[in-house]
N, C-alpha and C. Protein backbone atom coordinates (compact mmCIF):
# COMPACT_ATOMS: atom_id res chain seq x y z
N MET A 1 0.85 -1.18 0.00
CA MET A 1 0.00 0.00 0.00
C MET A 1 0.89 1.24 0.00
N ASP A 2 0.56 2.17 -0.89
CA ASP A 2 1.30 3.43 -1.00
C ASP A 2 0.63 4.46 -0.10
N PHE A 3 1.32 4.89 0.93
CA PHE A 3 0.73 5.84 1.87
C PHE A 3 0.93 7.28 1.44
N LYS A 4 1.68 7.51 0.37
CA LYS A 4 1.93 8.89 -0.09
C LYS A 4 0.74 9.46 -0.85
N ASN A 5 0.08 8.62 -1.66
CA ASN A 5 -1.05 9.07 -2.46
C ASN A 5 -2.25 8.16 -2.29
N VAL A 6 -3.43 8.77 -2.37
CA VAL A 6 -4.69 8.03 -2.43
C VAL A 6 -5.43 8.55 -3.66
N TYR A 7 -6.45 7.81 -4.09
CA TYR A 7 -7.13 8.11 -5.34
C TYR A 7 -8.63 8.14 -5.14
N LYS A 8 -9.24 9.17 -5.73
CA LYS A 8 -10.69 9.33 -5.66
C LYS A 8 -11.26 9.27 -7.07
N ILE A 9 -12.24 8.42 -7.27
CA ILE A 9 -12.96 8.34 -8.53
C ILE A 9 -14.26 9.11 -8.34
N CYS A 10 -14.52 10.04 -9.23
CA CYS A 10 -15.76 10.80 -9.16
C CYS A 10 -16.28 11.07 -10.57
N THR A 11 -17.51 11.50 -10.64
CA THR A 11 -18.07 11.85 -11.94
C THR A 11 -17.56 13.22 -12.35
N LEU A 12 -17.64 13.49 -13.63
CA LEU A 12 -17.24 14.80 -14.14
C LEU A 12 -18.10 15.89 -13.51
N ASP A 13 -19.39 15.63 -13.32
CA ASP A 13 -20.27 16.61 -12.67
C ASP A 13 -19.84 16.89 -11.23
N GLU A 14 -19.50 15.83 -10.48
CA GLU A 14 -19.04 16.02 -9.09
C GLU A 14 -17.75 16.83 -9.06
N TRP A 15 -16.84 16.56 -10.00
CA TRP A 15 -15.57 17.27 -10.05
C TRP A 15 -15.78 18.74 -10.43
N ASN A 16 -16.65 19.00 -11.39
CA ASN A 16 -16.94 20.39 -11.77
C ASN A 16 -17.58 21.15 -10.62
N GLU A 17 -18.46 20.51 -9.88
CA GLU A 17 -19.08 21.14 -8.71
C GLU A 17 -18.03 21.43 -7.64
N ALA A 18 -17.11 20.50 -7.43
CA ALA A 18 -16.05 20.70 -6.45
C ALA A 18 -15.18 21.89 -6.83
N LYS A 19 -14.90 22.05 -8.11
CA LYS A 19 -14.08 23.18 -8.56
C LYS A 19 -14.79 24.51 -8.28
N LYS A 20 -16.11 24.53 -8.41
CA LYS A 20 -16.89 25.74 -8.09
C LYS A 20 -16.84 26.05 -6.60
N LEU A 21 -16.93 24.99 -5.78
CA LEU A 21 -16.97 25.15 -4.32
C LEU A 21 -15.59 25.33 -3.70
N GLY A 22 -14.55 24.86 -4.41
CA GLY A 22 -13.20 24.89 -3.86
C GLY A 22 -12.87 23.69 -2.99
N LYS A 23 -13.79 22.74 -2.93
CA LYS A 23 -13.58 21.52 -2.14
C LYS A 23 -14.53 20.45 -2.66
N LEU A 24 -14.15 19.19 -2.42
CA LEU A 24 -14.99 18.05 -2.80
C LEU A 24 -15.63 17.51 -1.54
N ASN A 25 -16.97 17.56 -1.50
CA ASN A 25 -17.70 17.02 -0.36
C ASN A 25 -17.97 15.54 -0.52
N GLY A 26 -17.80 15.02 -1.73
CA GLY A 26 -17.99 13.60 -1.98
C GLY A 26 -19.25 13.34 -2.78
N SER A 27 -19.41 12.07 -3.14
CA SER A 27 -20.59 11.62 -3.86
C SER A 27 -21.75 11.44 -2.88
N LYS A 28 -22.91 11.09 -3.41
CA LYS A 28 -24.05 10.81 -2.54
C LYS A 28 -23.71 9.68 -1.56
N LYS A 29 -23.01 8.65 -2.06
CA LYS A 29 -22.61 7.53 -1.20
C LYS A 29 -21.66 8.00 -0.11
N ASP A 30 -20.69 8.85 -0.47
CA ASP A 30 -19.75 9.38 0.52
C ASP A 30 -20.51 10.14 1.61
N ILE A 31 -21.40 11.01 1.19
CA ILE A 31 -22.15 11.83 2.14
C ILE A 31 -23.00 10.94 3.04
N ASN A 32 -23.67 9.94 2.46
CA ASN A 32 -24.48 9.00 3.27
C ASN A 32 -23.63 8.21 4.25
N ASP A 33 -22.41 7.82 3.84
CA ASP A 33 -21.53 7.03 4.70
C ASP A 33 -20.78 7.87 5.73
N GLY A 34 -20.72 9.19 5.53
CA GLY A 34 -20.07 10.07 6.49
C GLY A 34 -18.58 10.26 6.26
N PHE A 35 -18.08 9.81 5.13
CA PHE A 35 -16.67 9.99 4.79
C PHE A 35 -16.50 9.86 3.28
N ILE A 36 -15.38 10.36 2.77
CA ILE A 36 -15.07 10.25 1.35
C ILE A 36 -14.28 8.97 1.13
N HIS A 37 -14.77 8.14 0.23
CA HIS A 37 -14.12 6.88 -0.10
C HIS A 37 -12.94 7.14 -1.04
N PHE A 38 -11.79 6.58 -0.71
CA PHE A 38 -10.61 6.62 -1.56
C PHE A 38 -10.17 5.19 -1.84
N SER A 39 -9.26 5.06 -2.79
CA SER A 39 -8.63 3.76 -3.09
C SER A 39 -7.13 3.96 -3.12
N ASP A 40 -6.42 2.90 -2.83
CA ASP A 40 -4.99 2.84 -3.08
C ASP A 40 -4.82 2.57 -4.57
N LYS A 41 -3.65 2.85 -5.11
CA LYS A 41 -3.40 2.63 -6.54
C LYS A 41 -3.73 1.20 -6.95
N ASP A 42 -3.38 0.23 -6.12
CA ASP A 42 -3.61 -1.18 -6.44
C ASP A 42 -5.09 -1.58 -6.35
N GLN A 43 -5.92 -0.73 -5.77
CA GLN A 43 -7.33 -1.03 -5.60
C GLN A 43 -8.21 -0.40 -6.69
N LEU A 44 -7.61 0.43 -7.54
CA LEU A 44 -8.39 1.20 -8.51
C LEU A 44 -9.22 0.32 -9.45
N SER A 45 -8.61 -0.69 -10.03
CA SER A 45 -9.35 -1.50 -11.00
C SER A 45 -10.52 -2.21 -10.33
N GLY A 46 -10.35 -2.69 -9.12
CA GLY A 46 -11.44 -3.35 -8.39
C GLY A 46 -12.55 -2.38 -8.04
N THR A 47 -12.19 -1.18 -7.63
CA THR A 47 -13.19 -0.16 -7.29
C THR A 47 -13.98 0.24 -8.53
N LEU A 48 -13.28 0.43 -9.64
CA LEU A 48 -13.97 0.78 -10.89
C LEU A 48 -14.93 -0.33 -11.31
N LYS A 49 -14.49 -1.56 -11.20
CA LYS A 49 -15.31 -2.70 -11.61
C LYS A 49 -16.54 -2.86 -10.70
N LYS A 50 -16.35 -2.69 -9.42
CA LYS A 50 -17.43 -2.92 -8.45
C LYS A 50 -18.46 -1.79 -8.44
N PHE A 51 -18.01 -0.54 -8.54
CA PHE A 51 -18.92 0.59 -8.35
C PHE A 51 -19.20 1.43 -9.59
N PHE A 52 -18.39 1.28 -10.65
CA PHE A 52 -18.50 2.19 -11.79
C PHE A 52 -18.62 1.48 -13.13
N LEU A 53 -18.88 0.19 -13.16
CA LEU A 53 -18.98 -0.56 -14.40
C LEU A 53 -19.98 0.11 -15.33
N ASN A 54 -19.60 0.29 -16.59
CA ASN A 54 -20.42 0.90 -17.64
C ASN A 54 -20.68 2.40 -17.44
N LYS A 55 -20.04 3.03 -16.48
CA LYS A 55 -20.25 4.46 -16.26
C LYS A 55 -19.17 5.26 -16.97
N SER A 56 -19.62 6.27 -17.70
CA SER A 56 -18.69 7.13 -18.42
C SER A 56 -18.56 8.46 -17.69
N ASP A 57 -17.77 9.36 -18.26
CA ASP A 57 -17.55 10.69 -17.69
C ASP A 57 -17.03 10.63 -16.25
N LEU A 58 -16.00 9.80 -16.06
CA LEU A 58 -15.37 9.67 -14.75
C LEU A 58 -14.03 10.38 -14.73
N VAL A 59 -13.69 10.88 -13.55
CA VAL A 59 -12.42 11.55 -13.31
C VAL A 59 -11.73 10.83 -12.16
N LEU A 60 -10.43 10.65 -12.30
CA LEU A 60 -9.62 10.05 -11.25
C LEU A 60 -8.72 11.13 -10.67
N LEU A 61 -8.80 11.33 -9.37
CA LEU A 61 -7.99 12.32 -8.68
C LEU A 61 -6.88 11.65 -7.90
N LYS A 62 -5.66 12.07 -8.13
CA LYS A 62 -4.52 11.62 -7.35
C LYS A 62 -4.31 12.66 -6.26
N VAL A 63 -4.32 12.21 -5.00
CA VAL A 63 -4.33 13.12 -3.86
C VAL A 63 -3.12 12.86 -2.97
N ASP A 64 -2.51 13.93 -2.51
CA ASP A 64 -1.38 13.83 -1.57
C ASP A 64 -1.92 13.44 -0.20
N ALA A 65 -1.80 12.17 0.13
CA ALA A 65 -2.36 11.64 1.38
C ALA A 65 -1.69 12.23 2.62
N LEU A 66 -0.43 12.63 2.50
CA LEU A 66 0.30 13.15 3.66
C LEU A 66 -0.22 14.50 4.12
N LYS A 67 -1.02 15.17 3.30
CA LYS A 67 -1.59 16.47 3.67
C LYS A 67 -2.98 16.36 4.28
N LEU A 68 -3.55 15.17 4.28
CA LEU A 68 -4.91 14.98 4.77
C LEU A 68 -4.90 14.72 6.27
N ARG A 69 -5.54 15.58 7.03
CA ARG A 69 -5.53 15.48 8.49
C ARG A 69 -6.40 14.34 9.02
N ASN A 70 -7.52 14.11 8.37
CA ASN A 70 -8.49 13.14 8.90
C ASN A 70 -8.68 11.94 7.98
N LEU A 71 -7.55 11.43 7.47
CA LEU A 71 -7.56 10.23 6.64
C LEU A 71 -7.33 9.02 7.54
N VAL A 72 -8.23 8.05 7.43
CA VAL A 72 -8.16 6.85 8.26
C VAL A 72 -8.21 5.63 7.35
N TYR A 73 -7.32 4.68 7.58
CA TYR A 73 -7.32 3.42 6.84
C TYR A 73 -8.15 2.42 7.63
N GLU A 74 -9.24 1.95 7.01
CA GLU A 74 -10.18 1.09 7.73
C GLU A 74 -10.46 -0.19 6.95
N GLN A 75 -10.71 -1.24 7.70
CA GLN A 75 -11.04 -2.52 7.09
C GLN A 75 -12.51 -2.54 6.69
N THR A 76 -12.77 -2.98 5.47
CA THR A 76 -14.14 -3.07 4.99
C THR A 76 -14.67 -4.49 5.21
N SER A 77 -15.94 -4.69 4.89
CA SER A 77 -16.58 -5.99 5.16
C SER A 77 -15.93 -7.14 4.40
N ASP A 78 -15.25 -6.84 3.28
CA ASP A 78 -14.59 -7.92 2.53
C ASP A 78 -13.15 -8.17 3.01
N GLY A 79 -12.73 -7.47 4.07
CA GLY A 79 -11.40 -7.69 4.64
C GLY A 79 -10.31 -6.78 4.11
N ASN A 80 -10.60 -6.01 3.06
CA ASN A 80 -9.60 -5.09 2.52
C ASN A 80 -9.52 -3.82 3.36
N ILE A 81 -8.38 -3.16 3.27
CA ILE A 81 -8.16 -1.90 3.97
C ILE A 81 -8.27 -0.76 2.94
N PHE A 82 -9.16 0.19 3.20
CA PHE A 82 -9.35 1.32 2.30
C PHE A 82 -9.18 2.63 3.06
N PRO A 83 -8.65 3.65 2.38
CA PRO A 83 -8.54 4.97 3.00
C PRO A 83 -9.87 5.72 2.94
N HIS A 84 -10.25 6.32 4.06
CA HIS A 84 -11.48 7.10 4.17
C HIS A 84 -11.14 8.47 4.75
N LEU A 85 -11.67 9.51 4.15
CA LEU A 85 -11.41 10.88 4.59
C LEU A 85 -12.64 11.43 5.31
N TYR A 86 -12.45 11.82 6.57
CA TYR A 86 -13.53 12.32 7.39
C TYR A 86 -13.54 13.85 7.42
N GLU A 87 -13.51 14.46 6.27
CA GLU A 87 -13.62 15.91 6.08
C GLU A 87 -13.69 16.14 4.57
N PRO A 88 -14.14 17.31 4.14
CA PRO A 88 -14.12 17.59 2.70
C PRO A 88 -12.68 17.58 2.18
N LEU A 89 -12.54 17.25 0.92
CA LEU A 89 -11.23 17.24 0.28
C LEU A 89 -10.92 18.63 -0.27
N GLU A 90 -9.89 19.25 0.27
CA GLU A 90 -9.44 20.55 -0.24
C GLU A 90 -8.77 20.31 -1.59
N LEU A 91 -9.13 21.09 -2.59
CA LEU A 91 -8.62 20.86 -3.95
C LEU A 91 -7.12 21.08 -4.05
N SER A 92 -6.54 21.83 -3.13
CA SER A 92 -5.09 22.05 -3.15
C SER A 92 -4.31 20.75 -2.87
N HIS A 93 -4.99 19.73 -2.35
CA HIS A 93 -4.34 18.45 -2.08
C HIS A 93 -4.36 17.50 -3.29
N VAL A 94 -5.09 17.88 -4.34
CA VAL A 94 -5.14 17.09 -5.57
C VAL A 94 -3.89 17.42 -6.38
N VAL A 95 -3.07 16.41 -6.64
CA VAL A 95 -1.82 16.64 -7.36
C VAL A 95 -1.93 16.31 -8.85
N GLU A 96 -2.96 15.55 -9.23
CA GLU A 96 -3.13 15.20 -10.64
C GLU A 96 -4.57 14.78 -10.85
N GLU A 97 -5.09 15.09 -12.02
CA GLU A 97 -6.42 14.59 -12.39
C GLU A 97 -6.32 13.90 -13.74
N TYR A 98 -7.07 12.81 -13.87
CA TYR A 98 -7.06 12.01 -15.09
C TYR A 98 -8.50 11.76 -15.54
N LYS A 99 -8.73 11.79 -16.83
CA LYS A 99 -10.01 11.35 -17.38
C LYS A 99 -9.92 9.83 -17.52
N ILE A 100 -10.94 9.14 -17.09
CA ILE A 100 -10.97 7.69 -17.19
C ILE A 100 -11.77 7.30 -18.43
N GLU A 101 -11.14 6.57 -19.31
CA GLU A 101 -11.77 6.13 -20.55
C GLU A 101 -12.56 4.84 -20.31
N LEU A 102 -13.72 4.76 -20.95
CA LEU A 102 -14.58 3.59 -20.85
C LEU A 102 -14.33 2.68 -22.06
N ASN A 103 -14.06 1.41 -21.79
CA ASN A 103 -13.91 0.42 -22.86
C ASN A 103 -15.29 -0.01 -23.36
N LYS A 104 -15.34 -0.62 -24.53
CA LYS A 104 -16.61 -1.07 -25.10
C LYS A 104 -17.31 -2.12 -24.24
N ASN A 105 -16.53 -2.87 -23.45
CA ASN A 105 -17.12 -3.92 -22.61
C ASN A 105 -17.58 -3.40 -21.25
N GLY A 106 -17.51 -2.08 -21.02
CA GLY A 106 -17.99 -1.49 -19.79
C GLY A 106 -16.94 -1.32 -18.71
N THR A 107 -15.75 -1.86 -18.94
CA THR A 107 -14.66 -1.68 -17.99
C THR A 107 -13.93 -0.37 -18.32
N HIS A 108 -12.95 -0.02 -17.52
CA HIS A 108 -12.26 1.26 -17.68
C HIS A 108 -10.77 1.08 -17.91
N LYS A 109 -10.19 2.04 -18.60
CA LYS A 109 -8.75 2.07 -18.79
C LYS A 109 -8.13 2.93 -17.70
N ILE A 110 -7.28 2.34 -16.90
CA ILE A 110 -6.54 3.08 -15.89
C ILE A 110 -5.37 3.77 -16.58
N PRO A 111 -5.11 5.02 -16.27
CA PRO A 111 -3.96 5.70 -16.91
C PRO A 111 -2.68 4.89 -16.77
N LYS A 112 -1.90 4.82 -17.84
CA LYS A 112 -0.71 3.97 -17.89
C LYS A 112 0.23 4.20 -16.71
N GLU A 113 0.43 5.46 -16.32
CA GLU A 113 1.39 5.74 -15.24
C GLU A 113 0.91 5.22 -13.88
N LEU A 114 -0.34 4.75 -13.80
CA LEU A 114 -0.86 4.22 -12.55
C LEU A 114 -1.01 2.70 -12.56
N GLU A 115 -0.66 2.09 -13.67
CA GLU A 115 -0.79 0.63 -13.75
C GLU A 115 0.30 -0.06 -12.95
């Protein structure tokens, strides 16, 4: 697990709204759960497959995890450890953004530098 960076997958609409607000409050699921869901680089393909299959207009945010004050690594019901942020994400902590391409079979192409 890379503790330097965490990754947030969001819709283009959520990302555009965050840019207007100056912070990302999260998706509806994040807000309902009380924290922003992140993935480690090695968890991206699984997260995309489980929660975003066949969804287009996605953005992947690479975030400097060392700047996040309320980031907690927690075990989920399937036994994996995922990073969760218990505060809005300040956009100044986003170090890179990527457009996620949708394949014809409904899966996604992860940017080469993150494979």
